[in-house]
Amino acid sequence: MVTPSPSIPEICAKRDFTISLDRTIQQLQELKSKQSDQFPEKCGTQLNELRLIQQAIGLAKNNFVADVPGREGGFEILCKIPPSSDNFKEAQSWAKRWYNDRTWKSDIDRALQDNPNCQKLIE
């Protein structure tokens, strides 16, 4: 059985965890290229936030989690996603996973000194 791709508002309004992050971003980018002028703001926000999560995960894979001299780590990038966002829980789950790893805890604690508003990610 072939699953139809989600309707436009649905993919922009809610993250479908049955579809990989990369695939969701790809679908949003395809939608943007088709609609260019009529690309809804909600879709743009969704695309930007999912790209932030993707970028943060990529940095973490390279050990750039937090408090990286001269650049943002994955944790700081996740901090750009507002708590009001539908994607905040996903960002929070990554942040908590890193924070609960002894390897990253002290780096994240140092990053929090400079960015106290990022505390919301690990609460």
PDB file of N, CA and C in Angstrom:
ATOM      1  N   MET A   1       0.838  -1.183   0.000  1.00  0.00           N
ATOM      2  CA  MET A   1       0.000   0.000   0.000  1.00  0.00           C
ATOM      3  C   MET A   1       0.885   1.250   0.000  1.00  0.00           C
ATOM      4  N   VAL A   2       0.598   2.185  -0.864  1.00  0.00           N
ATOM      5  CA  VAL A   2       1.376   3.409  -0.954  1.00  0.00           C
ATOM      6  C   VAL A   2       0.702   4.466  -0.084  1.00  0.00           C
ATOM      7  N   THR A   3       1.488   5.072   0.773  1.00  0.00           N
ATOM      8  CA  THR A   3       0.939   6.125   1.627  1.00  0.00           C
ATOM      9  C   THR A   3       1.032   7.443   0.873  1.00  0.00           C
ATOM     10  N   PRO A   4      -0.069   8.152   0.739  1.00  0.00           N
ATOM     11  CA  PRO A   4       0.000   9.440   0.049  1.00  0.00           C
ATOM     12  C   PRO A   4       0.810  10.443   0.880  1.00  0.00           C
ATOM     13  N   SER A   5       1.478  11.362   0.209  1.00  0.00           N
ATOM     14  CA  SER A   5       2.233  12.353   0.963  1.00  0.00           C
ATOM     15  C   SER A   5       1.239  13.265   1.689  1.00  0.00           C
ATOM     16  N   PRO A   6       1.650  13.780   2.848  1.00  0.00           N
ATOM     17  CA  PRO A   6       0.705  14.579   3.631  1.00  0.00           C
ATOM     18  C   PRO A   6       0.262  15.831   2.878  1.00  0.00           C
ATOM     19  N   SER A   7      -0.926  16.278   3.179  1.00  0.00           N
ATOM     20  CA  SER A   7      -1.426  17.490   2.536  1.00  0.00           C
ATOM     21  C   SER A   7      -0.550  18.665   2.956  1.00  0.00           C
ATOM     22  N   ILE A   8      -0.574  19.715   2.178  1.00  0.00           N
ATOM     23  CA  ILE A   8       0.313  20.848   2.418  1.00  0.00           C
ATOM     24  C   ILE A   8       0.217  21.392   3.845  1.00  0.00           C
ATOM     25  N   PRO A   9      -0.954  21.742   4.322  1.00  0.00           N
ATOM     26  CA  PRO A   9      -0.983  22.305   5.670  1.00  0.00           C
ATOM     27  C   PRO A   9      -0.502  21.317   6.737  1.00  0.00           C
ATOM     28  N   GLU A  10      -0.785  20.051   6.528  1.00  0.00           N
ATOM     29  CA  GLU A  10      -0.420  19.054   7.538  1.00  0.00           C
ATOM     30  C   GLU A  10       1.099  18.951   7.712  1.00  0.00           C
ATOM     31  N   ILE A  11       1.825  18.891   6.633  1.00  0.00           N
ATOM     32  CA  ILE A  11       3.284  18.762   6.732  1.00  0.00           C
ATOM     33  C   ILE A  11       3.895  20.017   7.358  1.00  0.00           C
ATOM     34  N   CYS A  12       3.219  21.149   7.172  1.00  0.00           N
ATOM     35  CA  CYS A  12       3.723  22.409   7.727  1.00  0.00           C
ATOM     36  C   CYS A  12       3.293  22.597   9.177  1.00  0.00           C
ATOM     37  N   ALA A  13       2.199  21.983   9.547  1.00  0.00           N
ATOM     38  CA  ALA A  13       1.635  22.215  10.876  1.00  0.00           C
ATOM     39  C   ALA A  13       2.155  21.247  11.915  1.00  0.00           C
ATOM     40  N   LYS A  14       2.520  20.046  11.488  1.00  0.00           N
ATOM     41  CA  LYS A  14       2.822  19.020  12.469  1.00  0.00           C
ATOM     42  C   LYS A  14       3.900  18.096  11.923  1.00  0.00           C
ATOM     43  N   ARG A  15       4.839  17.765  12.760  1.00  0.00           N
ATOM     44  CA  ARG A  15       5.927  16.866  12.362  1.00  0.00           C
ATOM     45  C   ARG A  15       5.408  15.435  12.374  1.00  0.00           C
ATOM     46  N   ASP A  16       5.572  14.758  11.255  1.00  0.00           N
ATOM     47  CA  ASP A  16       5.163  13.364  11.145  1.00  0.00           C
ATOM     48  C   ASP A  16       6.397  12.500  11.411  1.00  0.00           C
ATOM     49  N   PHE A  17       6.421  11.836  12.570  1.00  0.00           N
ATOM     50  CA  PHE A  17       7.612  11.089  12.962  1.00  0.00           C
ATOM     51  C   PHE A  17       7.745   9.758  12.235  1.00  0.00           C
ATOM     52  N   THR A  18       6.769   9.417  11.390  1.00  0.00           N
ATOM     53  CA  THR A  18       6.919   8.214  10.575  1.00  0.00           C
ATOM     54  C   THR A  18       7.800   8.513   9.366  1.00  0.00           C
ATOM     55  N   ILE A  19       8.028   9.799   9.102  1.00  0.00           N
ATOM     56  CA  ILE A  19       8.891  10.231   7.991  1.00  0.00           C
ATOM     57  C   ILE A  19      10.177  10.777   8.609  1.00  0.00           C
ATOM     58  N   SER A  20      11.317  10.411   8.064  1.00  0.00           N
ATOM     59  CA  SER A  20      12.588  10.876   8.624  1.00  0.00           C
ATOM     60  C   SER A  20      12.692  12.398   8.526  1.00  0.00           C
ATOM     61  N   LEU A  21      13.517  12.951   9.388  1.00  0.00           N
ATOM     62  CA  LEU A  21      13.751  14.393   9.409  1.00  0.00           C
ATOM     63  C   LEU A  21      14.239  14.865   8.037  1.00  0.00           C
ATOM     64  N   ASP A  22      15.209  14.152   7.476  1.00  0.00           N
ATOM     65  CA  ASP A  22      15.758  14.545   6.169  1.00  0.00           C
ATOM     66  C   ASP A  22      14.682  14.531   5.090  1.00  0.00           C
ATOM     67  N   ARG A  23      13.839  13.514   5.118  1.00  0.00           N
ATOM     68  CA  ARG A  23      12.778  13.393   4.106  1.00  0.00           C
ATOM     69  C   ARG A  23      11.737  14.504   4.277  1.00  0.00           C
ATOM     70  N   THR A  24      11.398  14.823   5.515  1.00  0.00           N
ATOM     71  CA  THR A  24      10.443  15.897   5.777  1.00  0.00           C
ATOM     72  C   THR A  24      10.983  17.227   5.249  1.00  0.00           C
ATOM     73  N   ILE A  25      12.260  17.487   5.514  1.00  0.00           N
ATOM     74  CA  ILE A  25      12.893  18.715   5.022  1.00  0.00           C
ATOM     75  C   ILE A  25      12.864  18.736   3.497  1.00  0.00           C
ATOM     76  N   GLN A  26      13.172  17.595   2.902  1.00  0.00           N
ATOM     77  CA  GLN A  26      13.152  17.496   1.437  1.00  0.00           C
ATOM     78  C   GLN A  26      11.747  17.798   0.892  1.00  0.00           C
ATOM     79  N   GLN A  27      10.731  17.233   1.523  1.00  0.00           N
ATOM     80  CA  GLN A  27       9.351  17.476   1.072  1.00  0.00           C
ATOM     81  C   GLN A  27       8.982  18.955   1.206  1.00  0.00           C
ATOM     82  N   LEU A  28       9.394  19.584   2.288  1.00  0.00           N
ATOM     83  CA  LEU A  28       9.111  21.010   2.476  1.00  0.00           C
ATOM     84  C   LEU A  28       9.849  21.853   1.436  1.00  0.00           C
ATOM     85  N   GLN A  29      11.088  21.465   1.128  1.00  0.00           N
ATOM     86  CA  GLN A  29      11.852  22.203   0.116  1.00  0.00           C
ATOM     87  C   GLN A  29      11.208  22.063  -1.263  1.00  0.00           C
ATOM     88  N   GLU A  30      10.725  20.845  -1.580  1.00  0.00           N
ATOM     89  CA  GLU A  30      10.033  20.639  -2.861  1.00  0.00           C
ATOM     90  C   GLU A  30       8.773  21.490  -2.922  1.00  0.00           C
ATOM     91  N   LEU A  31       8.051  21.523  -1.831  1.00  0.00           N
ATOM     92  CA  LEU A  31       6.840  22.324  -1.741  1.00  0.00           C
ATOM     93  C   LEU A  31       7.168  23.801  -1.950  1.00  0.00           C
ATOM     94  N   LYS A  32       8.250  24.251  -1.319  1.00  0.00           N
ATOM     95  CA  LYS A  32       8.668  25.649  -1.448  1.00  0.00           C
ATOM     96  C   LYS A  32       9.011  25.978  -2.901  1.00  0.00           C
ATOM     97  N   SER A  33       9.723  25.071  -3.569  1.00  0.00           N
ATOM     98  CA  SER A  33      10.098  25.359  -4.958  1.00  0.00           C
ATOM     99  C   SER A  33       8.884  25.369  -5.878  1.00  0.00           C
ATOM    100  N   LYS A  34       7.877  24.561  -5.565  1.00  0.00           N
ATOM    101  CA  LYS A  34       6.658  24.554  -6.384  1.00  0.00           C
ATOM    102  C   LYS A  34       5.816  25.792  -6.140  1.00  0.00           C
ATOM    103  N   GLN A  35       5.792  26.259  -4.906  1.00  0.00           N
ATOM    104  CA  GLN A  35       4.867  27.324  -4.531  1.00  0.00           C
ATOM    105  C   GLN A  35       5.505  28.697  -4.424  1.00  0.00           C
ATOM    106  N   SER A  36       6.795  28.769  -4.446  1.00  0.00           N
ATOM    107  CA  SER A  36       7.594  29.961  -4.180  1.00  0.00           C
ATOM    108  C   SER A  36       6.821  31.159  -3.610  1.00  0.00           C
ATOM    109  N   ASP A  37       5.981  31.805  -4.395  1.00  0.00           N
ATOM    110  CA  ASP A  37       5.285  33.007  -3.926  1.00  0.00           C
ATOM    111  C   ASP A  37       4.201  32.703  -2.892  1.00  0.00           C
ATOM    112  N   GLN A  38       3.578  31.548  -3.024  1.00  0.00           N
ATOM    113  CA  GLN A  38       2.472  31.218  -2.116  1.00  0.00           C
ATOM    114  C   GLN A  38       2.888  30.285  -0.980  1.00  0.00           C
ATOM    115  N   PHE A  39       4.176  30.149  -0.754  1.00  0.00           N
ATOM    116  CA  PHE A  39       4.658  29.258   0.310  1.00  0.00           C
ATOM    117  C   PHE A  39       4.219  29.840   1.655  1.00  0.00           C
ATOM    118  N   PRO A  40       3.323  29.136   2.369  1.00  0.00           N
ATOM    119  CA  PRO A  40       2.796  29.704   3.620  1.00  0.00           C
ATOM    120  C   PRO A  40       3.884  29.954   4.659  1.00  0.00           C
ATOM    121  N   GLU A  41       3.695  30.987   5.456  1.00  0.00           N
ATOM    122  CA  GLU A  41       4.664  31.347   6.498  1.00  0.00           C
ATOM    123  C   GLU A  41       4.875  30.176   7.471  1.00  0.00           C
ATOM    124  N   LYS A  42       3.799  29.488   7.804  1.00  0.00           N
ATOM    125  CA  LYS A  42       3.880  28.330   8.716  1.00  0.00           C
ATOM    126  C   LYS A  42       4.829  27.272   8.141  1.00  0.00           C
ATOM    127  N   CYS A  43       4.776  27.088   6.813  1.00  0.00           N
ATOM    128  CA  CYS A  43       5.669  26.121   6.161  1.00  0.00           C
ATOM    129  C   CYS A  43       7.117  26.592   6.247  1.00  0.00           C
ATOM    130  N   GLY A  44       7.321  27.892   6.069  1.00  0.00           N
ATOM    131  CA  GLY A  44       8.672  28.453   6.157  1.00  0.00           C
ATOM    132  C   GLY A  44       9.260  28.277   7.546  1.00  0.00           C
ATOM    133  N   THR A  45       8.433  28.529   8.551  1.00  0.00           N
ATOM    134  CA  THR A  45       8.873  28.356   9.936  1.00  0.00           C
ATOM    135  C   THR A  45       9.218  26.903  10.200  1.00  0.00           C
ATOM    136  N   GLN A  46       8.351  26.010   9.747  1.00  0.00           N
ATOM    137  CA  GLN A  46       8.573  24.573   9.940  1.00  0.00           C
ATOM    138  C   GLN A  46       9.892  24.156   9.278  1.00  0.00           C
ATOM    139  N   LEU A  47      10.096  24.591   8.048  1.00  0.00           N
ATOM    140  CA  LEU A  47      11.316  24.243   7.322  1.00  0.00           C
ATOM    141  C   LEU A  47      12.548  24.772   8.066  1.00  0.00           C
ATOM    142  N   ASN A  48      12.500  26.023   8.498  1.00  0.00           N
ATOM    143  CA  ASN A  48      13.643  26.610   9.209  1.00  0.00           C
ATOM    144  C   ASN A  48      13.954  25.853  10.499  1.00  0.00           C
ATOM    145  N   GLU A  49      12.909  25.533  11.264  1.00  0.00           N
ATOM    146  CA  GLU A  49      13.131  24.849  12.541  1.00  0.00           C
ATOM    147  C   GLU A  49      13.652  23.432  12.340  1.00  0.00           C
ATOM    148  N   LEU A  50      13.120  22.734  11.351  1.00  0.00           N
ATOM    149  CA  LEU A  50      13.609  21.371  11.097  1.00  0.00           C
ATOM    150  C   LEU A  50      15.052  21.399  10.595  1.00  0.00           C
ATOM    151  N   ARG A  51      15.393  22.432   9.839  1.00  0.00           N
ATOM    152  CA  ARG A  51      16.791  22.575   9.408  1.00  0.00           C
ATOM    153  C   ARG A  51      17.696  22.817  10.609  1.00  0.00           C
ATOM    154  N   LEU A  52      17.212  23.589  11.582  1.00  0.00           N
ATOM    155  CA  LEU A  52      17.999  23.834  12.799  1.00  0.00           C
ATOM    156  C   LEU A  52      18.248  22.515  13.543  1.00  0.00           C
ATOM    157  N   ILE A  53      17.204  21.693  13.666  1.00  0.00           N
ATOM    158  CA  ILE A  53      17.353  20.396  14.340  1.00  0.00           C
ATOM    159  C   ILE A  53      18.346  19.527  13.570  1.00  0.00           C
ATOM    160  N   GLN A  54      18.208  19.500  12.249  1.00  0.00           N
ATOM    161  CA  GLN A  54      19.107  18.709  11.406  1.00  0.00           C
ATOM    162  C   GLN A  54      20.557  19.185  11.574  1.00  0.00           C
ATOM    163  N   GLN A  55      20.740  20.499  11.577  1.00  0.00           N
ATOM    164  CA  GLN A  55      22.080  21.083  11.729  1.00  0.00           C
ATOM    165  C   GLN A  55      22.652  20.732  13.109  1.00  0.00           C
ATOM    166  N   ALA A  56      21.825  20.822  14.140  1.00  0.00           N
ATOM    167  CA  ALA A  56      22.276  20.524  15.500  1.00  0.00           C
ATOM    168  C   ALA A  56      22.703  19.063  15.628  1.00  0.00           C
ATOM    169  N   ILE A  57      21.919  18.164  15.058  1.00  0.00           N
ATOM    170  CA  ILE A  57      22.250  16.734  15.111  1.00  0.00           C
ATOM    171  C   ILE A  57      23.562  16.481  14.371  1.00  0.00           C
ATOM    172  N   GLY A  58      23.718  17.129  13.218  1.00  0.00           N
ATOM    173  CA  GLY A  58      24.952  16.987  12.446  1.00  0.00           C
ATOM    174  C   GLY A  58      26.165  17.461  13.219  1.00  0.00           C
ATOM    175  N   LEU A  59      26.031  18.587  13.913  1.00  0.00           N
ATOM    176  CA  LEU A  59      27.140  19.105  14.720  1.00  0.00           C
ATOM    177  C   LEU A  59      27.463  18.146  15.866  1.00  0.00           C
ATOM    178  N   ALA A  60      26.418  17.618  16.497  1.00  0.00           N
ATOM    179  CA  ALA A  60      26.625  16.703  17.625  1.00  0.00           C
ATOM    180  C   ALA A  60      27.358  15.436  17.172  1.00  0.00           C
ATOM    181  N   LYS A  61      27.050  14.972  15.969  1.00  0.00           N
ATOM    182  CA  LYS A  61      27.743  13.788  15.448  1.00  0.00           C
ATOM    183  C   LYS A  61      29.235  14.041  15.324  1.00  0.00           C
ATOM    184  N   ASN A  62      29.601  15.326  15.131  1.00  0.00           N
ATOM    185  CA  ASN A  62      31.012  15.691  15.014  1.00  0.00           C
ATOM    186  C   ASN A  62      31.573  16.214  16.337  1.00  0.00           C
ATOM    187  N   ASN A  63      30.856  15.908  17.421  1.00  0.00           N
ATOM    188  CA  ASN A  63      31.276  16.304  18.773  1.00  0.00           C
ATOM    189  C   ASN A  63      31.185  17.797  19.053  1.00  0.00           C
ATOM    190  N   PHE A  64      30.453  18.539  18.233  1.00  0.00           N
ATOM    191  CA  PHE A  64      30.234  19.959  18.508  1.00  0.00           C
ATOM    192  C   PHE A  64      28.869  20.107  19.176  1.00  0.00           C
ATOM    193  N   VAL A  65      28.800  19.729  20.463  1.00  0.00           N
ATOM    194  CA  VAL A  65      27.509  19.764  21.147  1.00  0.00           C
ATOM    195  C   VAL A  65      27.256  21.115  21.777  1.00  0.00           C
ATOM    196  N   ALA A  66      28.218  21.612  22.562  1.00  0.00           N
ATOM    197  CA  ALA A  66      28.004  22.890  23.246  1.00  0.00           C
ATOM    198  C   ALA A  66      29.344  23.493  23.634  1.00  0.00           C
ATOM    199  N   ASP A  67      29.319  24.809  23.867  1.00  0.00           N
ATOM    200  CA  ASP A  67      30.492  25.532  24.342  1.00  0.00           C
ATOM    201  C   ASP A  67      31.707  25.280  23.445  1.00  0.00           C
ATOM    202  N   VAL A  68      31.472  25.334  22.140  1.00  0.00           N
ATOM    203  CA  VAL A  68      32.545  25.129  21.170  1.00  0.00           C
ATOM    204  C   VAL A  68      33.179  26.492  20.900  1.00  0.00           C
ATOM    205  N   PRO A  69      34.486  26.647  21.134  1.00  0.00           N
ATOM    206  CA  PRO A  69      35.115  27.958  20.934  1.00  0.00           C
ATOM    207  C   PRO A  69      34.919  28.476  19.508  1.00  0.00           C
ATOM    208  N   GLY A  70      34.419  29.696  19.409  1.00  0.00           N
ATOM    209  CA  GLY A  70      34.307  30.357  18.117  1.00  0.00           C
ATOM    210  C   GLY A  70      33.145  29.919  17.238  1.00  0.00           C
ATOM    211  N   ARG A  71      32.289  29.054  17.723  1.00  0.00           N
ATOM    212  CA  ARG A  71      31.140  28.652  16.892  1.00  0.00           C
ATOM    213  C   ARG A  71      30.007  28.141  17.771  1.00  0.00           C
ATOM    214  N   GLU A  72      28.843  28.008  17.174  1.00  0.00           N
ATOM    215  CA  GLU A  72      27.707  27.467  17.912  1.00  0.00           C
ATOM    216  C   GLU A  72      27.754  25.949  17.868  1.00  0.00           C
ATOM    217  N   GLY A  73      27.403  25.344  18.977  1.00  0.00           N
ATOM    218  CA  GLY A  73      27.271  23.894  19.014  1.00  0.00           C
ATOM    219  C   GLY A  73      25.814  23.523  18.788  1.00  0.00           C
ATOM    220  N   GLY A  74      25.567  22.245  18.720  1.00  0.00           N
ATOM    221  CA  GLY A  74      24.210  21.754  18.485  1.00  0.00           C
ATOM    222  C   GLY A  74      23.214  22.246  19.522  1.00  0.00           C
ATOM    223  N   PHE A  75      23.649  22.282  20.781  1.00  0.00           N
ATOM    224  CA  PHE A  75      22.759  22.711  21.862  1.00  0.00           C
ATOM    225  C   PHE A  75      22.314  24.156  21.659  1.00  0.00           C
ATOM    226  N   GLU A  76      23.269  25.033  21.343  1.00  0.00           N
ATOM    227  CA  GLU A  76      22.935  26.449  21.141  1.00  0.00           C
ATOM    228  C   GLU A  76      21.995  26.631  19.946  1.00  0.00           C
ATOM    229  N   ILE A  77      22.173  25.816  18.926  1.00  0.00           N
ATOM    230  CA  ILE A  77      21.298  25.906  17.750  1.00  0.00           C
ATOM    231  C   ILE A  77      19.882  25.471  18.107  1.00  0.00           C
ATOM    232  N   LEU A  78      19.753  24.396  18.892  1.00  0.00           N
ATOM    233  CA  LEU A  78      18.420  23.960  19.313  1.00  0.00           C
ATOM    234  C   LEU A  78      17.729  25.046  20.136  1.00  0.00           C
ATOM    235  N   CYS A  79      18.516  25.848  20.817  1.00  0.00           N
ATOM    236  CA  CYS A  79      17.972  26.905  21.666  1.00  0.00           C
ATOM    237  C   CYS A  79      17.215  27.966  20.855  1.00  0.00           C
ATOM    238  N   LYS A  80      17.427  28.012  19.560  1.00  0.00           N
ATOM    239  CA  LYS A  80      16.744  28.989  18.700  1.00  0.00           C
ATOM    240  C   LYS A  80      15.282  28.610  18.430  1.00  0.00           C
ATOM    241  N   ILE A  81      14.913  27.392  18.783  1.00  0.00           N
ATOM    242  CA  ILE A  81      13.535  26.945  18.554  1.00  0.00           C
ATOM    243  C   ILE A  81      12.702  27.342  19.768  1.00  0.00           C
ATOM    244  N   PRO A  82      11.691  28.178  19.570  1.00  0.00           N
ATOM    245  CA  PRO A  82      10.916  28.679  20.714  1.00  0.00           C
ATOM    246  C   PRO A  82      10.052  27.594  21.361  1.00  0.00           C
ATOM    247  N   PRO A  83       9.835  27.700  22.680  1.00  0.00           N
ATOM    248  CA  PRO A  83       9.006  26.716  23.383  1.00  0.00           C
ATOM    249  C   PRO A  83       7.583  26.633  22.825  1.00  0.00           C
ATOM    250  N   SER A  84       7.144  27.681  22.164  1.00  0.00           N
ATOM    251  CA  SER A  84       5.793  27.675  21.590  1.00  0.00           C
ATOM    252  C   SER A  84       5.712  26.853  20.301  1.00  0.00           C
ATOM    253  N   SER A  85       6.867  26.452  19.783  1.00  0.00           N
ATOM    254  CA  SER A  85       6.911  25.718  18.519  1.00  0.00           C
ATOM    255  C   SER A  85       6.477  24.268  18.690  1.00  0.00           C
ATOM    256  N   ASP A  86       5.894  23.732  17.619  1.00  0.00           N
ATOM    257  CA  ASP A  86       5.534  22.311  17.592  1.00  0.00           C
ATOM    258  C   ASP A  86       6.786  21.434  17.596  1.00  0.00           C
ATOM    259  N   ASN A  87       7.924  22.005  17.216  1.00  0.00           N
ATOM    260  CA  ASN A  87       9.170  21.237  17.133  1.00  0.00           C
ATOM    261  C   ASN A  87       9.993  21.301  18.417  1.00  0.00           C
ATOM    262  N   PHE A  88       9.495  22.052  19.406  1.00  0.00           N
ATOM    263  CA  PHE A  88      10.274  22.233  20.628  1.00  0.00           C
ATOM    264  C   PHE A  88      10.524  20.911  21.349  1.00  0.00           C
ATOM    265  N   LYS A  89       9.505  20.049  21.389  1.00  0.00           N
ATOM    266  CA  LYS A  89       9.670  18.767  22.105  1.00  0.00           C
ATOM    267  C   LYS A  89      10.782  17.924  21.479  1.00  0.00           C
ATOM    268  N   GLU A  90      10.856  17.951  20.150  1.00  0.00           N
ATOM    269  CA  GLU A  90      11.931  17.201  19.487  1.00  0.00           C
ATOM    270  C   GLU A  90      13.295  17.809  19.827  1.00  0.00           C
ATOM    271  N   ALA A  91      13.378  19.131  19.785  1.00  0.00           N
ATOM    272  CA  ALA A  91      14.627  19.810  20.144  1.00  0.00           C
ATOM    273  C   ALA A  91      15.001  19.478  21.585  1.00  0.00           C
ATOM    274  N   GLN A  92      14.002  19.503  22.447  1.00  0.00           N
ATOM    275  CA  GLN A  92      14.220  19.230  23.861  1.00  0.00           C
ATOM    276  C   GLN A  92      14.708  17.791  24.080  1.00  0.00           C
ATOM    277  N   SER A  93      14.156  16.854  23.323  1.00  0.00           N
ATOM    278  CA  SER A  93      14.569  15.454  23.518  1.00  0.00           C
ATOM    279  C   SER A  93      16.045  15.274  23.145  1.00  0.00           C
ATOM    280  N   TRP A  94      16.491  15.943  22.093  1.00  0.00           N
ATOM    281  CA  TRP A  94      17.916  15.872  21.732  1.00  0.00           C
ATOM    282  C   TRP A  94      18.773  16.537  22.807  1.00  0.00           C
ATOM    283  N   ALA A  95      18.352  17.723  23.251  1.00  0.00           N
ATOM    284  CA  ALA A  95      19.124  18.457  24.262  1.00  0.00           C
ATOM    285  C   ALA A  95      19.246  17.644  25.550  1.00  0.00           C
ATOM    286  N   LYS A  96      18.136  17.043  25.963  1.00  0.00           N
ATOM    287  CA  LYS A  96      18.169  16.243  27.199  1.00  0.00           C
ATOM    288  C   LYS A  96      19.050  15.011  27.027  1.00  0.00           C
ATOM    289  N   ARG A  97      18.983  14.408  25.861  1.00  0.00           N
ATOM    290  CA  ARG A  97      19.824  13.229  25.601  1.00  0.00           C
ATOM    291  C   ARG A  97      21.299  13.606  25.745  1.00  0.00           C
ATOM    292  N   TRP A  98      21.676  14.748  25.164  1.00  0.00           N
ATOM    293  CA  TRP A  98      23.067  15.183  25.259  1.00  0.00           C
ATOM    294  C   TRP A  98      23.414  15.563  26.688  1.00  0.00           C
ATOM    295  N   TYR A  99      22.495  16.244  27.363  1.00  0.00           N
ATOM    296  CA  TYR A  99      22.757  16.705  28.725  1.00  0.00           C
ATOM    297  C   TYR A  99      22.935  15.522  29.684  1.00  0.00           C
ATOM    298  N   ASN A 100      22.211  14.455  29.435  1.00  0.00           N
ATOM    299  CA  ASN A 100      22.293  13.281  30.308  1.00  0.00           C
ATOM    300  C   ASN A 100      23.502  12.408  29.992  1.00  0.00           C
ATOM    301  N   ASP A 101      24.256  12.787  28.975  1.00  0.00           N
ATOM    302  CA  ASP A 101      25.479  12.069  28.626  1.00  0.00           C
ATOM    303  C   ASP A 101      26.643  12.770  29.335  1.00  0.00           C
ATOM    304  N   ARG A 102      27.366  12.033  30.169  1.00  0.00           N
ATOM    305  CA  ARG A 102      28.467  12.645  30.943  1.00  0.00           C
ATOM    306  C   ARG A 102      29.446  13.401  30.058  1.00  0.00           C
ATOM    307  N   THR A 103      29.628  12.926  28.843  1.00  0.00           N
ATOM    308  CA  THR A 103      30.589  13.556  27.928  1.00  0.00           C
ATOM    309  C   THR A 103      30.243  15.023  27.681  1.00  0.00           C
ATOM    310  N   TRP A 104      28.942  15.331  27.616  1.00  0.00           N
ATOM    311  CA  TRP A 104      28.517  16.668  27.202  1.00  0.00           C
ATOM    312  C   TRP A 104      27.996  17.548  28.321  1.00  0.00           C
ATOM    313  N   LYS A 105      27.694  16.958  29.475  1.00  0.00           N
ATOM    314  CA  LYS A 105      27.020  17.709  30.530  1.00  0.00           C
ATOM    315  C   LYS A 105      27.772  18.992  30.905  1.00  0.00           C
ATOM    316  N   SER A 106      29.079  18.908  31.139  1.00  0.00           N
ATOM    317  CA  SER A 106      29.822  20.103  31.572  1.00  0.00           C
ATOM    318  C   SER A 106      29.877  21.152  30.459  1.00  0.00           C
ATOM    319  N   ASP A 107      29.969  20.715  29.195  1.00  0.00           N
ATOM    320  CA  ASP A 107      29.956  21.671  28.075  1.00  0.00           C
ATOM    321  C   ASP A 107      28.618  22.404  28.027  1.00  0.00           C
ATOM    322  N   ILE A 108      27.543  21.663  28.221  1.00  0.00           N
ATOM    323  CA  ILE A 108      26.213  22.287  28.190  1.00  0.00           C
ATOM    324  C   ILE A 108      26.046  23.221  29.386  1.00  0.00           C
ATOM    325  N   ASP A 109      26.546  22.820  30.554  1.00  0.00           N
ATOM    326  CA  ASP A 109      26.476  23.708  31.722  1.00  0.00           C
ATOM    327  C   ASP A 109      27.207  25.022  31.450  1.00  0.00           C
ATOM    328  N   ARG A 110      28.353  24.951  30.784  1.00  0.00           N
ATOM    329  CA  ARG A 110      29.090  26.185  30.438  1.00  0.00           C
ATOM    330  C   ARG A 110      28.302  27.001  29.420  1.00  0.00           C
ATOM    331  N   ALA A 111      27.716  26.334  28.446  1.00  0.00           N
ATOM    332  CA  ALA A 111      26.922  27.040  27.428  1.00  0.00           C
ATOM    333  C   ALA A 111      25.724  27.742  28.076  1.00  0.00           C
ATOM    334  N   LEU A 112      25.163  27.129  29.102  1.00  0.00           N
ATOM    335  CA  LEU A 112      24.011  27.717  29.792  1.00  0.00           C
ATOM    336  C   LEU A 112      24.378  28.997  30.539  1.00  0.00           C
ATOM    337  N   GLN A 113      25.625  29.118  30.961  1.00  0.00           N
ATOM    338  CA  GLN A 113      26.056  30.348  31.646  1.00  0.00           C
ATOM    339  C   GLN A 113      25.927  31.542  30.700  1.00  0.00           C
ATOM    340  N   ASP A 114      26.238  31.323  29.424  1.00  0.00           N
ATOM    341  CA  ASP A 114      26.139  32.400  28.428  1.00  0.00           C
ATOM    342  C   ASP A 114      24.724  32.539  27.882  1.00  0.00           C
ATOM    343  N   ASN A 115      23.957  31.473  27.925  1.00  0.00           N
ATOM    344  CA  ASN A 115      22.601  31.451  27.348  1.00  0.00           C
ATOM    345  C   ASN A 115      21.602  30.892  28.365  1.00  0.00           C
ATOM    346  N   PRO A 116      21.316  31.641  29.438  1.00  0.00           N
ATOM    347  CA  PRO A 116      20.438  31.094  30.471  1.00  0.00           C
ATOM    348  C   PRO A 116      19.042  30.728  29.944  1.00  0.00           C
ATOM    349  N   ASN A 117      18.615  31.389  28.868  1.00  0.00           N
ATOM    350  CA  ASN A 117      17.274  31.067  28.316  1.00  0.00           C
ATOM    351  C   ASN A 117      17.244  29.688  27.671  1.00  0.00           C
ATOM    352  N   CYS A 118      18.402  29.083  27.428  1.00  0.00           N
ATOM    353  CA  CYS A 118      18.453  27.734  26.860  1.00  0.00           C
ATOM    354  C   CYS A 118      18.113  26.669  27.904  1.00  0.00           C
ATOM    355  N   GLN A 119      18.051  27.086  29.166  1.00  0.00           N
ATOM    356  CA  GLN A 119      17.719  26.172  30.261  1.00  0.00           C
ATOM    357  C   GLN A 119      16.410  25.421  29.961  1.00  0.00           C
ATOM    358  N   LYS A 120      15.504  26.093  29.262  1.00  0.00           N
ATOM    359  CA  LYS A 120      14.191  25.487  28.951  1.00  0.00           C
ATOM    360  C   LYS A 120      14.343  24.172  28.177  1.00  0.00           C
ATOM    361  N   LEU A 121      15.450  23.996  27.494  1.00  0.00           N
ATOM    362  CA  LEU A 121      15.665  22.761  26.718  1.00  0.00           C
ATOM    363  C   LEU A 121      15.884  21.542  27.594  1.00  0.00           C
ATOM    364  N   ILE A 122      16.386  21.745  28.802  1.00  0.00           N
ATOM    365  CA  ILE A 122      16.722  20.594  29.633  1.00  0.00           C
ATOM    366  C   ILE A 122      15.819  20.475  30.855  1.00  0.00           C
ATOM    367  N   GLU A 123      14.765  21.284  30.895  1.00  0.00           N
ATOM    368  CA  GLU A 123      13.846  21.240  32.043  1.00  0.00           C
ATOM    369  C   GLU A 123      12.857  20.114  31.890  1.00  0.00           C
TER     370      GLU A 123
END
